[in-house]
């Protein structure tokens, strides 16, 4: 019978006939190498979206909304390039959302932060 070798380290595998790796460590290492490049961009974007969400969530809302300045958002590290969706009202106002929290640009660099129910 043919000896099977671990896909990660090349050692002989003992146990089940369909086993591909000698240990959990080798399985994880192999899959991490395989997915490293393709997942890096997605991981960075998700981290940026999470940070933007935490920043919007840090503002206390009264009746589902509040106002702040662009400077306060930028000081906290908000990145206006990363949003999940847009919502345009019938009047033509465009809200920028990060999941269920959004903001509406107002006059004089003010922003209204809202929560969608």
Protein backbone atom coordinates (compact mmCIF):
# COMPACT_ATOMS: atom_id res chain seq x y z
CA UNK A 1 0.00 0.00 0.00
CA UNK A 2 1.22 3.50 -0.87
CA UNK A 3 2.29 5.77 2.01
CA UNK A 4 0.54 9.12 2.07
CA UNK A 5 2.54 12.26 2.82
CA UNK A 6 1.36 15.39 4.64
CA UNK A 7 0.61 18.18 2.13
CA UNK A 8 2.34 20.73 4.39
CA UNK A 9 5.46 19.11 5.85
CA UNK A 10 5.82 15.88 3.87
CA UNK A 11 5.93 13.47 6.81
CA UNK A 12 4.23 10.10 6.57
CA UNK A 13 0.57 10.17 7.59
CA UNK A 14 -0.85 7.56 9.93
CA UNK A 15 -4.54 7.00 10.56
CA UNK A 16 -7.54 7.38 8.29
CA UNK A 17 -7.09 6.59 4.63
CA UNK A 18 -8.43 10.00 3.47
CA UNK A 19 -6.24 12.07 5.79
CA UNK A 20 -4.24 14.84 4.07
CA UNK A 21 -2.31 16.40 6.96
CA UNK A 22 -0.37 14.94 9.88
CA UNK A 23 -1.75 17.46 12.40
CA UNK A 24 -4.07 20.41 12.91
CA UNK A 25 -1.02 22.68 12.83
CA UNK A 26 -0.07 21.48 9.32
CA UNK A 27 -3.69 21.75 8.10
CA UNK A 28 -3.96 25.34 9.36
CA UNK A 29 -0.53 26.32 8.02
CA UNK A 30 -1.33 24.88 4.58
CA UNK A 31 -4.70 26.64 4.34
CA UNK A 32 -3.31 29.94 5.65
CA UNK A 33 -0.64 29.90 2.93
CA UNK A 34 -3.23 29.01 0.32
CA UNK A 35 -5.60 31.86 1.25
CA UNK A 36 -3.11 34.53 2.32
CA UNK A 37 -3.07 36.75 -0.78
CA UNK A 38 -6.72 36.52 -1.76
CA UNK A 39 -8.00 37.11 1.77
CA UNK A 40 -5.68 40.00 2.68
CA UNK A 41 -7.62 42.62 0.70
CA UNK A 42 -10.96 41.45 2.11
CA UNK A 43 -9.56 41.40 5.66
CA UNK A 44 -8.25 44.97 5.33
CA UNK A 45 -11.56 46.26 3.96
CA UNK A 46 -13.55 44.52 6.71
CA UNK A 47 -11.24 45.98 9.37
CA UNK A 48 -11.76 49.47 7.92
CA UNK A 49 -15.56 49.01 7.84
CA UNK A 50 -15.55 47.78 11.46
CA UNK A 51 -13.53 50.81 12.55
CA UNK A 52 -15.91 53.18 10.74
CA UNK A 53 -18.88 51.43 12.37
CA UNK A 54 -17.35 51.74 15.86
CA UNK A 55 -16.73 55.45 15.27
CA UNK A 56 -20.33 56.10 14.15
CA UNK A 57 -21.60 53.99 17.06
CA UNK A 58 -19.58 56.05 19.54
CA UNK A 59 -21.88 59.06 19.05
CA UNK A 60 -24.92 58.94 21.37
CA UNK A 61 -28.12 59.08 19.33
CA UNK A 62 -31.24 60.96 20.42
CA UNK A 63 -34.38 59.69 18.70
CA UNK A 64 -32.23 57.74 16.25
CA UNK A 65 -30.02 60.61 15.11
CA UNK A 66 -27.39 63.16 16.13
CA UNK A 67 -25.14 65.81 14.57
CA UNK A 68 -21.38 66.12 14.47
CA UNK A 69 -18.64 67.81 12.46
CA UNK A 70 -16.37 66.38 9.80
CA UNK A 71 -13.39 67.30 11.98
CA UNK A 72 -14.66 65.17 14.90
CA UNK A 73 -15.16 62.20 12.59
CA UNK A 74 -11.70 62.59 11.05
CA UNK A 75 -10.07 63.03 14.49
CA UNK A 76 -11.50 59.65 15.51
CA UNK A 77 -10.05 58.10 12.34
CA UNK A 78 -13.18 57.84 10.20
CA UNK A 79 -12.47 57.02 6.53
CA UNK A 80 -15.16 58.37 4.19
CA UNK A 81 -14.03 55.98 1.41
CA UNK A 82 -15.42 52.88 3.16
CA UNK A 83 -19.20 52.43 3.25
CA UNK A 84 -21.49 49.45 2.70
CA UNK A 85 -24.39 51.10 0.86
CA UNK A 86 -26.10 54.34 -0.18
CA UNK A 87 -29.69 55.40 0.35
CA UNK A 88 -31.22 58.25 -1.66
CA UNK A 89 -34.47 59.76 -0.40
CA UNK A 90 -37.31 60.93 -2.61
CA UNK A 91 -36.12 64.51 -2.01
CA UNK A 92 -32.67 63.59 -3.39
CA UNK A 93 -30.66 63.47 -0.16
CA UNK A 94 -28.03 60.71 -0.16
CA UNK A 95 -27.25 58.87 3.08
CA UNK A 96 -24.01 56.89 3.32
CA UNK A 97 -24.31 53.74 5.43
CA UNK A 98 -21.91 51.43 7.23
CA UNK A 99 -24.27 48.52 7.90
CA UNK A 100 -27.18 50.03 9.89
CA UNK A 101 -25.48 53.31 10.87
CA UNK A 102 -25.30 56.11 8.35
CA UNK A 103 -24.50 59.74 7.87
CA UNK A 104 -25.89 62.57 5.80
CA UNK A 105 -23.61 65.45 4.77
CA UNK A 106 -25.12 68.79 5.83
CA UNK A 107 -24.00 72.39 5.28
CA UNK A 108 -20.78 73.81 6.78
CA UNK A 109 -19.04 70.40 7.19
CA UNK A 110 -21.69 69.07 9.56
CA UNK A 111 -22.97 65.51 9.39
CA UNK A 112 -26.15 63.95 10.70
CA UNK A 113 -25.60 60.41 12.00
CA UNK A 114 -28.64 58.13 11.82
CA UNK A 115 -29.54 54.54 12.68
CA UNK A 116 -31.73 52.53 10.32
CA UNK A 117 -34.24 50.36 12.14
